[in-house]
């Protein structure tokens, strides 16, 4: 399959600290950049597909435990932060 050319832009997205730590660990495990990981997650999600197989999900659970990430999808859109 031919590679597709894209235009990437720098962004200043704010993200919950522990989520970022887990994402960085996943990217490092798969020897990819954080941006490439996020693009993959989003493109799969846009098609209603899961990017992660069971071995990756196990690693993610381990990283969530290691970084104290106790948030779930149910917490989405209900997060607040100290001013």
Protein backbone atom coordinates (compact mmCIF):
# COMPACT_ATOMS: atom_id res chain seq x y z
CA UNK A 1 0.00 0.00 0.00
CA UNK A 2 1.35 3.41 -0.95
CA UNK A 3 2.03 5.89 1.83
CA UNK A 4 -0.19 8.96 1.84
CA UNK A 5 1.28 12.42 2.25
CA UNK A 6 -0.20 14.54 5.01
CA UNK A 7 0.35 18.00 6.42
CA UNK A 8 0.99 17.99 10.15
CA UNK A 9 0.61 21.03 12.40
CA UNK A 10 1.89 21.82 15.87
CA UNK A 11 -0.84 22.09 18.48
CA UNK A 12 -1.08 23.18 22.08
CA UNK A 13 -3.53 20.59 23.38
CA UNK A 14 -3.96 20.31 27.16
CA UNK A 15 -4.39 16.76 28.45
CA UNK A 16 -4.70 15.11 31.85
CA UNK A 17 -1.21 14.32 33.17
CA UNK A 18 -1.68 10.59 33.87
CA UNK A 19 -3.35 10.00 30.51
CA UNK A 20 -0.33 11.59 28.84
CA UNK A 21 2.06 9.40 30.86
CA UNK A 22 0.21 6.26 29.77
CA UNK A 23 0.12 7.41 26.13
CA UNK A 24 3.87 8.12 26.16
CA UNK A 25 4.52 4.64 27.60
CA UNK A 26 2.40 3.03 24.87
CA UNK A 27 4.17 5.02 22.15
CA UNK A 28 7.59 4.08 23.56
CA UNK A 29 6.63 0.39 23.75
CA UNK A 30 5.67 0.46 20.08
CA UNK A 31 8.68 2.61 19.08
CA UNK A 32 6.54 5.39 17.66
CA UNK A 33 5.97 9.06 18.32
CA UNK A 34 3.16 10.27 20.50
CA UNK A 35 1.67 12.04 17.47
CA UNK A 36 1.70 8.86 15.39
CA UNK A 37 0.01 6.96 18.23
CA UNK A 38 -2.71 9.61 18.62
CA UNK A 39 -3.34 9.68 14.86
CA UNK A 40 -3.69 5.89 14.85
CA UNK A 41 -6.04 5.87 17.85
CA UNK A 42 -8.23 8.57 16.32
CA UNK A 43 -8.36 7.11 12.81
CA UNK A 44 -9.35 3.71 14.20
CA UNK A 45 -11.93 5.32 16.47
CA UNK A 46 -13.43 7.32 13.59
CA UNK A 47 -14.17 3.96 11.92
CA UNK A 48 -15.51 2.37 15.12
CA UNK A 49 -12.51 0.05 15.38
CA UNK A 50 -10.23 -0.73 18.29
CA UNK A 51 -6.54 -0.13 17.72
CA UNK A 52 -5.40 -2.33 20.59
CA UNK A 53 -5.29 -6.10 20.82
CA UNK A 54 -5.42 -7.98 24.14
CA UNK A 55 -1.65 -7.89 24.78
CA UNK A 56 -1.63 -4.11 24.31
CA UNK A 57 -4.71 -3.70 26.50
CA UNK A 58 -2.93 -5.67 29.25
CA UNK A 59 0.07 -3.32 28.96
CA UNK A 60 -2.25 -0.31 29.08
CA UNK A 61 -3.90 -1.62 32.27
CA UNK A 62 -0.44 -2.09 33.80
CA UNK A 63 0.56 1.47 32.88
CA UNK A 64 -2.72 2.85 34.25
CA UNK A 65 -1.97 1.10 37.55
CA UNK A 66 1.64 2.29 37.53
CA UNK A 67 0.64 5.93 36.94
CA UNK A 68 -2.45 5.84 39.15
CA UNK A 69 -4.82 6.49 36.25
CA UNK A 70 -8.25 5.64 37.62
CA UNK A 71 -10.33 7.55 35.07
CA UNK A 72 -12.69 5.70 32.75
CA UNK A 73 -14.76 6.59 29.71
CA UNK A 74 -17.64 7.30 32.12
CA UNK A 75 -15.55 10.19 33.51
CA UNK A 76 -15.25 11.79 30.07
CA UNK A 77 -16.67 15.33 29.91
CA UNK A 78 -16.98 15.39 33.72
CA UNK A 79 -13.41 16.37 34.58
CA UNK A 80 -12.50 19.56 36.38
CA UNK A 81 -9.18 21.02 37.46
CA UNK A 82 -7.93 23.38 40.11
CA UNK A 83 -7.67 26.94 38.90
